Amino acid sequence: MIRPRTTAIVVAAISSYAVGFAALSVLRHRAFTTGRFDLGNMVQAVWWTAHGHPLEMTNLHGQQISRLAAHVDPILAVFGPLWWIWPSPDLLLVVQALAIAAGAWPVFLLARKHLDSQRAALGFALAYLLYPATGWLTLNEFHPVALATPLLLFAFWYLDNDRLLPFALLAVAAALCKEEIGLVLAGFGVWYALAKRRRAEGAVIAVLGLAWSAVAIAVVIPHFHTAGESDFYGRYSEVGGSAAGIVKTAFTHPGRILHAAFSTRDLRYLLQMLLPLAALSLLAPIVLIAALPELAINLLSATQTQTSIHFHYTAGLIPPLVIAAVFGAKRLTRWAVPVASVVVLAALVGNFRLGPIPGWRHVPGGEKFQATAARVTEHDRIAARALSLIPKSAVVSATNTLGAHLSARKRVLSFPFVQDATWIAADETQPGYSDRYAPLPTAIGLAALRRNPDWRLVFEQDGVLIFNRAPA
């Protein structure tokens, strides 16, 4: 039986995390820390869903496409009806914080069952909330895959208790958060077959998880992507450029795989994921099978953000690593409470050194990365006033940080792509996301606009510019 006092502490911790991180997320949006990529993409897909065109959005080059051309995360459609009630990007940010916070509850239940200690279970719930990767996942704008983290934790809890129906429902919901989450579920199936000796059921779970990811990657994305295969394959060009190519490279040039997966940056990333859990995850290798596909996806990528705890690419890793830490502690059940205390301490130190809590910047040695990202400045207030000039129905082209605030509309372009835009919003103080793809960078594009008689500069203050296309 769960003691009421322990329950109250866990609920209080979950509630405090949810409220605190929801507020931080909203403030970061007010401070223009979010961008058209990626929050704006999600907002537009939800807006279109609420207006009868599920998951439609404008891509970087101005084409109207389905969100499924980039990632298979149809769970976004669930937010369509919610948008009718709360039509604001804040909806996505707050729901994300609430959902991730709720993941501490299945961690608590799992630890209580396997460690037979209320205090040890409380320690692991707190460690999950203090885990640096959990905090950064919550604050990294909004990504549907972040919702997979609590869904996977709840799903594993039910799987561990042989309750296959609720597991299946939660597993389906988690799989709808992103295409590779099926691989994590397949790892859960392997664990179920080996650890629980439920070979048939475990095999079915593994096969279905693999099948979902295979269909999502090889069928769904190419179907909606006008150029065929996903653009994200370019991140793996050094090791084969596709799933089949990576397998071929592993046999023909294994050195390339090792070089790509075990650079200094990759090893630092692994340590940052393991040490805040006191490396206990390593004591439960069968559970860690579920983390291997996501680790391979991140470690083999040439994109540096995939091997950083500051981004959403940890969403599929956090559940198996935290679960493995609980099972690792189970090997030391005799010292369950001291071990849990060590994990809480490791998570707290990790949060101090690596976490997103703004207050750490005032303490020597504390994490300072994005420590002031939630501070709304006068420049931000000027930008908000400037954007209020743009009609909600207008086609607009915007630089990245302004684009997140302008995406709840039919078409939103990324400056310097202009096309059919009638309004342009640009922040000269922020680099343009599209510069790497556009023929002219943002600075040159703005200089040309000033000389173009077809455009009128209707607002200019502190580097924030608003242009309106002159009537024909």
Protein backbone atom coordinates (compact mmCIF):
# COMPACT_ATOMS: atom_id res chain seq x y z
CA MET A 1 0.00 0.00 0.00
CA ILE A 2 1.25 3.47 -0.91
CA ARG A 3 1.48 5.72 2.12
CA PRO A 4 -0.56 8.93 1.78
CA ARG A 5 2.40 11.05 2.84
CA THR A 6 4.64 9.57 0.15
CA THR A 7 1.90 10.00 -2.43
CA ALA A 8 1.52 13.63 -1.41
CA ILE A 9 5.23 14.27 -1.83
CA VAL A 10 5.32 12.66 -5.28
CA VAL A 11 2.21 14.56 -6.41
CA ALA A 12 3.67 17.79 -5.03
CA ALA A 13 6.93 17.21 -6.89
CA ILE A 14 5.10 16.42 -10.13
CA SER A 15 2.86 19.46 -9.74
CA SER A 16 5.76 21.77 -8.94
CA TYR A 17 7.70 20.55 -11.95
CA ALA A 18 4.67 20.89 -14.23
CA VAL A 19 3.82 24.42 -13.10
CA GLY A 20 7.42 25.61 -13.04
CA PHE A 21 8.42 24.22 -16.42
CA ALA A 22 5.14 25.23 -18.07
CA ALA A 23 5.78 28.79 -16.91
CA LEU A 24 9.39 28.65 -18.11
CA SER A 25 8.31 27.31 -21.50
CA VAL A 26 5.74 30.07 -21.98
CA LEU A 27 8.22 32.75 -20.87
CA ARG A 28 10.83 31.42 -23.30
CA HIS A 29 8.25 31.76 -26.06
CA ARG A 30 7.46 35.31 -24.94
CA ALA A 31 11.21 35.98 -25.05
CA PHE A 32 11.34 34.78 -28.68
CA THR A 33 13.59 31.83 -27.83
CA THR A 34 11.32 29.55 -29.86
CA GLY A 35 11.37 29.49 -33.65
CA ARG A 36 9.46 28.74 -36.79
CA PHE A 37 11.64 25.63 -36.70
CA ASP A 38 10.33 23.80 -34.78
CA LEU A 39 7.50 25.24 -32.68
CA GLY A 40 6.01 27.15 -35.60
CA ASN A 41 5.78 23.99 -37.70
CA MET A 42 3.77 22.25 -34.98
CA VAL A 43 1.54 25.27 -34.42
CA GLN A 44 0.67 25.53 -38.12
CA ALA A 45 -0.03 21.78 -38.37
CA VAL A 46 -2.37 22.03 -35.36
CA TRP A 47 -4.01 25.21 -36.72
CA TRP A 48 -4.69 23.52 -40.07
CA THR A 49 -6.04 20.44 -38.27
CA ALA A 50 -8.43 22.64 -36.31
CA HIS A 51 -9.55 24.15 -39.65
CA GLY A 52 -10.28 20.85 -41.36
CA HIS A 53 -7.00 19.99 -43.09
CA PRO A 54 -5.17 17.55 -40.79
CA LEU A 55 -1.46 18.21 -40.33
CA GLU A 56 -1.04 20.57 -43.29
CA MET A 57 1.85 23.04 -43.13
CA THR A 58 4.08 25.24 -45.28
CA ASN A 59 7.55 23.83 -45.81
CA LEU A 60 10.79 25.79 -45.99
CA HIS A 61 10.44 26.38 -49.72
CA GLY A 62 6.83 27.56 -49.56
CA GLN A 63 5.04 24.37 -50.57
CA GLN A 64 1.90 23.24 -48.74
CA ILE A 65 2.67 19.73 -47.51
CA SER A 66 1.66 17.24 -44.86
CA ARG A 67 3.60 17.14 -41.62
CA LEU A 68 3.95 13.40 -42.34
CA ALA A 69 6.41 14.25 -45.11
CA ALA A 70 8.94 15.09 -42.40
CA HIS A 71 8.01 12.95 -39.40
CA VAL A 72 5.29 10.42 -38.70
CA ASP A 73 3.86 12.02 -35.58
CA PRO A 74 0.08 12.07 -36.19
CA ILE A 75 -0.57 12.49 -32.46
CA LEU A 76 -0.37 16.19 -33.31
CA ALA A 77 -3.90 15.89 -34.70
CA VAL A 78 -5.18 15.40 -31.13
CA PHE A 79 -4.40 19.06 -30.48
CA GLY A 80 -6.74 20.20 -33.27
CA PRO A 81 -9.94 20.15 -31.15
CA LEU A 82 -8.01 21.59 -28.19
CA TRP A 83 -7.02 24.53 -30.39
CA TRP A 84 -10.70 25.51 -30.62
CA ILE A 85 -10.64 26.02 -26.86
CA TRP A 86 -7.16 27.52 -26.45
CA PRO A 87 -5.88 28.90 -29.80
CA SER A 88 -2.33 29.66 -28.72
CA PRO A 89 1.15 28.10 -28.98
CA ASP A 90 1.05 28.13 -25.17
CA LEU A 91 -1.35 25.17 -25.42
CA LEU A 92 1.38 22.93 -26.82
CA LEU A 93 4.05 24.15 -24.42
CA VAL A 94 1.89 23.68 -21.31
CA VAL A 95 0.59 20.24 -22.32
CA GLN A 96 4.16 19.11 -22.98
CA ALA A 97 5.29 20.21 -19.51
CA LEU A 98 2.31 18.52 -17.84
CA ALA A 99 2.83 15.29 -19.76
CA ILE A 100 6.55 14.99 -19.06
CA ALA A 101 6.00 15.76 -15.38
CA ALA A 102 3.43 12.95 -15.19
CA GLY A 103 6.14 10.48 -16.22
CA ALA A 104 7.45 10.56 -12.64
CA TRP A 105 4.40 8.60 -11.47
CA PRO A 106 5.09 5.32 -13.35
CA VAL A 107 8.75 5.67 -12.32
CA PHE A 108 7.61 5.84 -8.71
CA LEU A 109 5.30 2.83 -9.10
CA LEU A 110 7.96 0.78 -10.86
CA ALA A 111 10.62 1.54 -8.25
CA ARG A 112 8.22 0.86 -5.40
CA LYS A 113 7.38 -2.55 -6.84
CA HIS A 114 10.92 -3.69 -7.55
CA LEU A 115 12.77 -2.06 -4.66
CA ASP A 116 10.04 -2.70 -2.07
CA SER A 117 10.66 0.69 -0.52
CA GLN A 118 8.52 3.82 -0.51
CA ARG A 119 11.50 6.08 0.14
CA ALA A 120 13.59 4.49 -2.60
CA ALA A 121 10.69 4.84 -5.02
CA LEU A 122 10.30 8.50 -4.08
CA GLY A 123 14.01 8.95 -4.75
CA PHE A 124 13.74 7.58 -8.30
CA ALA A 125 10.69 9.74 -9.05
CA LEU A 126 12.65 12.79 -7.93
CA ALA A 127 15.69 11.66 -9.93
CA TYR A 128 13.55 11.49 -13.08
CA LEU A 129 12.36 15.07 -12.51
CA LEU A 130 15.90 16.26 -11.74
CA TYR A 131 17.45 14.36 -14.65
CA PRO A 132 19.02 17.06 -16.90
CA ALA A 133 17.77 15.44 -20.11
CA THR A 134 14.18 15.51 -18.77
CA GLY A 135 14.35 19.24 -18.13
CA TRP A 136 15.87 20.11 -21.48
CA LEU A 137 13.34 17.93 -23.29
CA THR A 138 10.55 19.90 -21.61
CA LEU A 139 12.00 23.27 -22.61
CA ASN A 140 13.10 22.42 -26.16
CA GLU A 141 10.16 24.24 -27.77
CA PHE A 142 7.46 21.63 -28.52
CA HIS A 143 7.92 18.29 -30.24
CA PRO A 144 5.33 15.48 -30.39
CA VAL A 145 8.06 12.93 -29.63
CA ALA A 146 8.40 14.47 -26.14
CA LEU A 147 4.96 13.06 -25.36
CA ALA A 148 6.36 9.58 -26.03
CA THR A 149 8.52 9.81 -22.90
CA PRO A 150 5.68 9.59 -20.33
CA LEU A 151 3.65 7.30 -22.60
CA LEU A 152 6.53 4.82 -22.80
CA LEU A 153 7.02 4.93 -19.03
CA PHE A 154 3.34 4.23 -18.38
CA ALA A 155 3.33 1.54 -21.09
CA PHE A 156 6.30 -0.24 -19.49
CA TRP A 157 4.62 -0.14 -16.08
CA TYR A 158 1.60 -1.98 -17.46
CA LEU A 159 3.80 -4.40 -19.42
CA ASP A 160 5.76 -5.19 -16.27
CA ASN A 161 2.46 -6.05 -14.59
CA ASP A 162 1.33 -8.25 -17.51
CA ARG A 163 -1.55 -5.92 -18.31
CA LEU A 164 -1.29 -6.15 -22.06
CA LEU A 165 -4.42 -4.23 -23.07
CA PRO A 166 -3.52 -0.91 -21.40
CA PHE A 167 0.07 -1.49 -22.52
CA ALA A 168 -1.10 -1.87 -26.12
CA LEU A 169 -3.18 1.33 -25.97
CA LEU A 170 -0.31 3.34 -24.52
CA ALA A 171 2.17 1.74 -26.93
CA VAL A 172 0.04 2.78 -29.91
CA ALA A 173 -0.19 6.33 -28.55
CA ALA A 174 3.59 6.43 -28.06
CA ALA A 175 4.23 5.07 -31.57
CA LEU A 176 2.11 7.90 -32.99
CA CYS A 177 4.58 10.41 -31.53
CA LYS A 178 7.39 9.70 -34.02
CA GLU A 179 8.45 7.07 -36.48
CA GLU A 180 11.34 5.52 -34.51
CA ILE A 181 9.44 5.06 -31.24
CA GLY A 182 8.34 1.67 -32.56
CA LEU A 183 11.97 0.58 -32.18
CA VAL A 184 11.88 1.40 -28.46
CA LEU A 185 8.68 -0.62 -28.13
CA ALA A 186 10.36 -3.48 -29.98
CA GLY A 187 13.08 -3.35 -27.31
CA PHE A 188 10.40 -3.58 -24.64
CA GLY A 189 9.12 -6.67 -26.40
CA VAL A 190 12.58 -8.25 -26.31
CA TRP A 191 12.80 -7.48 -22.59
CA TYR A 192 9.36 -9.02 -22.02
CA ALA A 193 10.36 -12.18 -23.86
CA LEU A 194 13.67 -12.60 -22.04
CA ALA A 195 13.05 -11.21 -18.55
CA LYS A 196 9.44 -12.30 -18.07
CA ARG A 197 9.74 -15.44 -20.21
CA ARG A 198 6.66 -14.44 -22.20
CA ARG A 199 8.30 -15.33 -25.50
CA ALA A 200 5.24 -15.33 -27.76
CA GLU A 201 3.83 -12.06 -26.46
CA GLY A 202 7.26 -10.44 -26.42
CA ALA A 203 7.92 -11.54 -29.99
CA VAL A 204 4.61 -10.07 -31.14
CA ILE A 205 5.39 -6.74 -29.46
CA ALA A 206 8.88 -6.68 -31.00
CA VAL A 207 7.66 -7.54 -34.48
CA LEU A 208 4.82 -5.00 -34.38
CA GLY A 209 7.15 -2.28 -33.11
CA LEU A 210 9.68 -2.96 -35.85
CA ALA A 211 6.93 -3.18 -38.47
CA TRP A 212 5.45 0.18 -37.45
CA SER A 213 8.81 1.95 -37.70
CA ALA A 214 9.63 0.24 -41.00
CA VAL A 215 6.31 1.24 -42.56
CA ALA A 216 6.54 4.78 -41.19
CA ILE A 217 10.07 5.31 -42.50
CA ALA A 218 9.93 3.37 -45.75
CA VAL A 219 6.31 3.94 -46.82
CA VAL A 220 4.57 6.84 -45.07
CA ILE A 221 7.30 9.48 -45.28
CA PRO A 222 8.19 8.74 -48.95
CA HIS A 223 4.47 8.80 -49.82
CA PHE A 224 4.01 12.33 -48.48
CA HIS A 225 7.49 13.59 -49.33
CA THR A 226 7.57 14.97 -52.87
CA ALA A 227 11.24 14.11 -53.27
CA GLY A 228 10.80 10.50 -52.12
CA GLU A 229 13.07 9.68 -49.19
CA SER A 230 13.24 11.90 -46.14
CA ASP A 231 15.68 14.81 -46.10
CA PHE A 232 16.97 13.48 -42.78
CA TYR A 233 18.84 10.69 -44.55
CA GLY A 234 21.43 13.33 -45.42
CA ARG A 235 22.50 13.30 -41.79
CA TYR A 236 23.84 9.77 -42.31
CA SER A 237 25.63 10.26 -45.62
CA GLU A 238 28.99 9.43 -44.04
CA VAL A 239 27.80 5.99 -42.92
CA GLY A 240 25.57 4.93 -45.79
CA GLY A 241 22.81 7.53 -46.14
CA SER A 242 19.91 5.13 -45.38
CA ALA A 243 18.99 2.21 -43.15
CA ALA A 244 20.12 -0.28 -45.79
CA GLY A 245 23.23 1.78 -46.48
CA ILE A 246 24.21 1.83 -42.81
CA VAL A 247 23.86 -1.96 -42.59
CA LYS A 248 26.03 -2.32 -45.71
CA THR A 249 28.64 0.05 -44.30
CA ALA A 250 28.72 -1.92 -41.04
CA PHE A 251 29.90 -4.96 -43.01
CA THR A 252 32.07 -3.31 -45.66
CA HIS A 253 33.59 -0.40 -43.70
CA PRO A 254 32.99 -1.01 -39.98
CA GLY A 255 35.63 1.57 -39.13
CA ARG A 256 33.36 4.32 -40.44
CA ILE A 257 30.61 3.22 -38.07
CA LEU A 258 32.97 3.17 -35.09
CA HIS A 259 34.45 6.54 -36.00
CA ALA A 260 30.99 8.11 -36.36
CA ALA A 261 29.58 6.60 -33.16
CA PHE A 262 32.48 7.06 -30.76
CA SER A 263 33.85 10.53 -31.25
CA THR A 264 34.73 12.64 -28.22
CA ARG A 265 31.38 14.41 -28.55
CA ASP A 266 29.50 11.10 -28.64
CA LEU A 267 31.26 9.79 -25.53
CA ARG A 268 30.53 13.03 -23.67
CA TYR A 269 26.88 12.67 -24.66
CA LEU A 270 26.77 9.11 -23.32
CA LEU A 271 28.30 10.21 -20.03
CA GLN A 272 25.80 13.06 -19.71
CA MET A 273 22.98 10.58 -20.17
CA LEU A 274 24.35 7.93 -17.79
CA LEU A 275 26.11 9.70 -14.93
CA PRO A 276 23.08 11.68 -13.64
CA LEU A 277 21.51 8.26 -13.00
CA ALA A 278 24.66 7.13 -11.19
CA ALA A 279 25.34 4.82 -14.18
CA LEU A 280 22.92 2.29 -12.65
CA SER A 281 21.38 1.73 -16.08
CA LEU A 282 24.43 -0.33 -17.05
CA LEU A 283 23.42 -2.95 -14.48
CA ALA A 284 20.27 -3.82 -16.46
CA PRO A 285 21.52 -4.65 -19.97
CA ILE A 286 18.31 -6.37 -21.10
CA VAL A 287 16.30 -3.21 -20.51
CA LEU A 288 18.98 -1.20 -22.30
CA ILE A 289 18.21 -3.13 -25.49
CA ALA A 290 15.29 -0.72 -25.91
CA ALA A 291 17.71 2.23 -25.92
CA LEU A 292 20.09 0.84 -28.55
CA PRO A 293 18.16 1.83 -31.73
CA GLU A 294 17.70 5.43 -30.55
CA LEU A 295 21.33 5.60 -29.49
CA ALA A 296 22.42 4.37 -32.92
CA ILE A 297 20.18 6.94 -34.63
CA ASN A 298 21.75 9.74 -32.60
CA LEU A 299 25.36 8.62 -32.47
CA LEU A 300 25.64 7.89 -36.20
CA SER A 301 24.16 11.22 -37.24
CA ALA A 302 26.42 14.00 -38.45
CA THR A 303 23.99 16.55 -36.92
CA GLN A 304 25.49 17.72 -33.63
CA THR A 305 22.15 18.47 -31.99
CA GLN A 306 21.37 14.74 -31.96
CA THR A 307 24.21 14.14 -29.53
CA SER A 308 23.25 16.94 -27.17
CA ILE A 309 21.02 16.64 -24.11
CA HIS A 310 19.65 20.10 -24.89
CA PHE A 311 17.36 18.85 -27.65
CA HIS A 312 14.38 16.55 -28.10
CA TYR A 313 16.42 13.65 -29.47
CA THR A 314 16.61 12.22 -25.94
CA ALA A 315 12.85 11.55 -25.81
CA GLY A 316 13.14 7.87 -26.77
CA LEU A 317 16.20 7.34 -24.57
CA ILE A 318 15.00 8.71 -21.24
CA PRO A 319 12.41 5.95 -20.55
CA PRO A 320 14.68 2.90 -21.06
CA LEU A 321 17.57 4.58 -19.25
CA VAL A 322 15.44 5.49 -16.21
CA ILE A 323 13.75 2.08 -16.18
CA ALA A 324 17.15 0.39 -16.46
CA ALA A 325 18.38 2.46 -13.50
CA VAL A 326 15.49 1.13 -11.41
CA PHE A 327 16.26 -2.46 -12.43
CA GLY A 328 19.94 -1.81 -11.85
CA ALA A 329 19.13 -0.71 -8.30
CA LYS A 330 17.11 -3.91 -7.91
CA ARG A 331 20.42 -5.81 -8.01
CA LEU A 332 21.31 -3.86 -4.87
CA THR A 333 17.95 -4.21 -3.12
CA ARG A 334 19.59 -4.72 0.24
CA TRP A 335 20.76 -1.08 0.06
CA ALA A 336 17.72 0.27 -1.83
CA VAL A 337 17.37 3.51 0.13
CA PRO A 338 21.09 4.42 0.10
CA VAL A 339 21.25 3.61 -3.62
CA ALA A 340 18.21 5.77 -4.30
CA SER A 341 19.82 8.56 -2.29
CA VAL A 342 22.93 8.30 -4.46
CA VAL A 343 20.78 8.50 -7.59
CA VAL A 344 18.99 11.60 -6.31
CA LEU A 345 22.34 13.17 -5.47
CA ALA A 346 23.75 12.27 -8.90
CA ALA A 347 20.67 13.72 -10.61
CA LEU A 348 20.88 16.89 -8.50
CA VAL A 349 24.58 17.35 -9.27
CA GLY A 350 23.87 16.61 -12.93
CA ASN A 351 21.11 19.21 -12.93
CA PHE A 352 23.44 21.73 -11.31
CA ARG A 353 26.17 21.13 -13.87
CA LEU A 354 24.02 20.46 -16.95
CA GLY A 355 20.38 21.29 -16.24
CA PRO A 356 18.10 24.09 -17.45
CA ILE A 357 17.09 25.71 -14.15
CA PRO A 358 17.89 29.45 -14.56
CA GLY A 359 18.90 29.92 -10.93
CA TRP A 360 22.01 27.77 -11.30
CA ARG A 361 23.78 30.60 -13.13
CA HIS A 362 24.10 32.47 -9.83
CA VAL A 363 26.02 29.60 -8.21
CA PRO A 364 29.71 29.08 -9.10
CA GLY A 365 29.99 26.06 -11.36
CA GLY A 366 26.27 26.02 -12.22
CA GLU A 367 24.98 25.57 -15.77
CA LYS A 368 24.73 28.87 -17.64
CA PHE A 369 23.59 27.62 -21.06
CA GLN A 370 20.38 29.47 -22.01
CA ALA A 371 20.15 30.65 -18.41
CA THR A 372 18.50 33.92 -19.47
CA ALA A 373 16.35 32.44 -22.25
CA ALA A 374 13.13 33.09 -20.30
CA ARG A 375 13.92 36.76 -19.66
CA VAL A 376 11.56 38.98 -21.65
CA THR A 377 13.53 42.06 -22.73
CA GLU A 378 12.50 45.41 -24.17
CA HIS A 379 13.55 44.08 -27.57
CA ASP A 380 11.05 41.24 -27.16
CA ARG A 381 8.28 43.67 -26.26
CA ILE A 382 9.10 45.75 -29.33
CA ALA A 383 8.93 42.61 -31.49
CA ALA A 384 5.54 41.68 -30.02
CA ARG A 385 4.16 45.16 -30.83
CA ALA A 386 5.54 44.93 -34.34
CA LEU A 387 3.91 41.56 -35.03
CA SER A 388 0.53 42.88 -33.90
CA LEU A 389 0.49 44.97 -37.10
CA ILE A 390 0.25 41.87 -39.32
CA PRO A 391 -3.29 40.64 -40.08
CA LYS A 392 -3.98 37.07 -38.95
CA SER A 393 -5.18 36.08 -42.43
CA ALA A 394 -2.18 37.47 -44.32
CA VAL A 395 0.50 35.39 -45.98
CA VAL A 396 3.68 36.33 -44.15
CA SER A 397 7.40 35.65 -44.55
CA ALA A 398 9.36 35.81 -41.29
CA THR A 399 12.76 35.15 -39.83
CA ASN A 400 12.94 32.14 -37.55
CA THR A 401 12.38 33.65 -34.10
CA LEU A 402 9.47 35.78 -35.26
CA GLY A 403 7.98 32.92 -37.27
CA ALA A 404 6.99 30.93 -34.19
CA HIS A 405 4.60 33.78 -33.29
CA LEU A 406 3.11 33.99 -36.80
CA SER A 407 2.50 30.35 -37.69
CA ALA A 408 -1.20 30.06 -36.80
CA ARG A 409 -2.29 30.84 -40.37
CA LYS A 410 -2.71 29.22 -43.79
CA ARG A 411 0.71 30.12 -45.16
CA VAL A 412 3.87 31.23 -43.42
CA LEU A 413 7.17 31.45 -45.29
CA SER A 414 10.72 31.55 -43.99
CA PHE A 415 12.52 34.74 -44.95
CA PRO A 416 14.33 35.37 -47.30
CA PHE A 417 11.82 33.19 -49.22
CA VAL A 418 9.06 35.67 -50.11
CA GLN A 419 6.92 34.25 -52.96
CA ASP A 420 3.26 35.26 -52.40
CA ALA A 421 3.78 36.91 -49.01
CA THR A 422 2.13 40.29 -48.49
CA TRP A 423 3.90 40.95 -45.18
CA ILE A 424 7.48 40.39 -44.08
CA ALA A 425 8.68 40.31 -40.47
CA ALA A 426 12.40 40.25 -39.80
CA ASP A 427 14.65 40.59 -36.80
CA GLU A 428 18.09 41.84 -37.86
CA THR A 429 19.56 40.88 -34.49
CA GLN A 430 18.84 37.17 -34.99
CA PRO A 431 20.44 34.92 -37.65
CA GLY A 432 18.10 33.57 -40.30
CA TYR A 433 17.43 29.84 -40.22
CA SER A 434 16.84 29.81 -43.97
CA ASP A 435 20.15 31.39 -44.89
CA ARG A 436 21.74 27.99 -45.47
CA TYR A 437 19.09 27.14 -48.08
CA ALA A 438 18.21 30.47 -49.69
CA PRO A 439 20.15 31.97 -52.61
CA LEU A 440 20.61 35.24 -50.64
CA PRO A 441 21.18 35.54 -46.87
CA THR A 442 18.84 37.53 -44.64
CA ALA A 443 20.99 40.67 -44.46
CA ILE A 444 21.26 40.99 -48.24
CA GLY A 445 17.56 40.24 -48.65
CA LEU A 446 16.59 43.01 -46.22
CA ALA A 447 18.87 45.51 -47.94
CA ALA A 448 17.22 44.67 -51.26
CA LEU A 449 13.76 45.08 -49.73
CA ARG A 450 14.56 48.61 -48.57
CA ARG A 451 15.30 49.57 -52.19
CA ASN A 452 12.34 47.72 -53.65
CA PRO A 453 9.42 50.07 -54.49
CA ASP A 454 6.99 47.13 -54.23
CA TRP A 455 7.51 47.01 -50.45
CA ARG A 456 6.84 49.63 -47.78
CA LEU A 457 8.70 49.63 -44.47
CA VAL A 458 5.89 50.18 -41.96
CA PHE A 459 7.81 49.47 -38.74
CA GLU A 460 11.46 49.74 -37.75
CA GLN A 461 12.72 49.73 -34.21
CA ASP A 462 15.62 48.04 -32.43
CA GLY A 463 16.38 45.84 -35.44
CA VAL A 464 12.79 44.62 -35.89
CA LEU A 465 11.43 45.35 -39.36
CA ILE A 466 7.93 44.96 -40.77
CA PHE A 467 7.35 45.35 -44.52
CA ASN A 468 4.02 45.43 -46.36
CA ARG A 469 3.70 44.76 -50.07
CA ALA A 470 2.47 47.91 -51.81
CA PRO A 471 -0.87 47.60 -53.63
CA ALA A 472 -0.54 46.99 -57.37
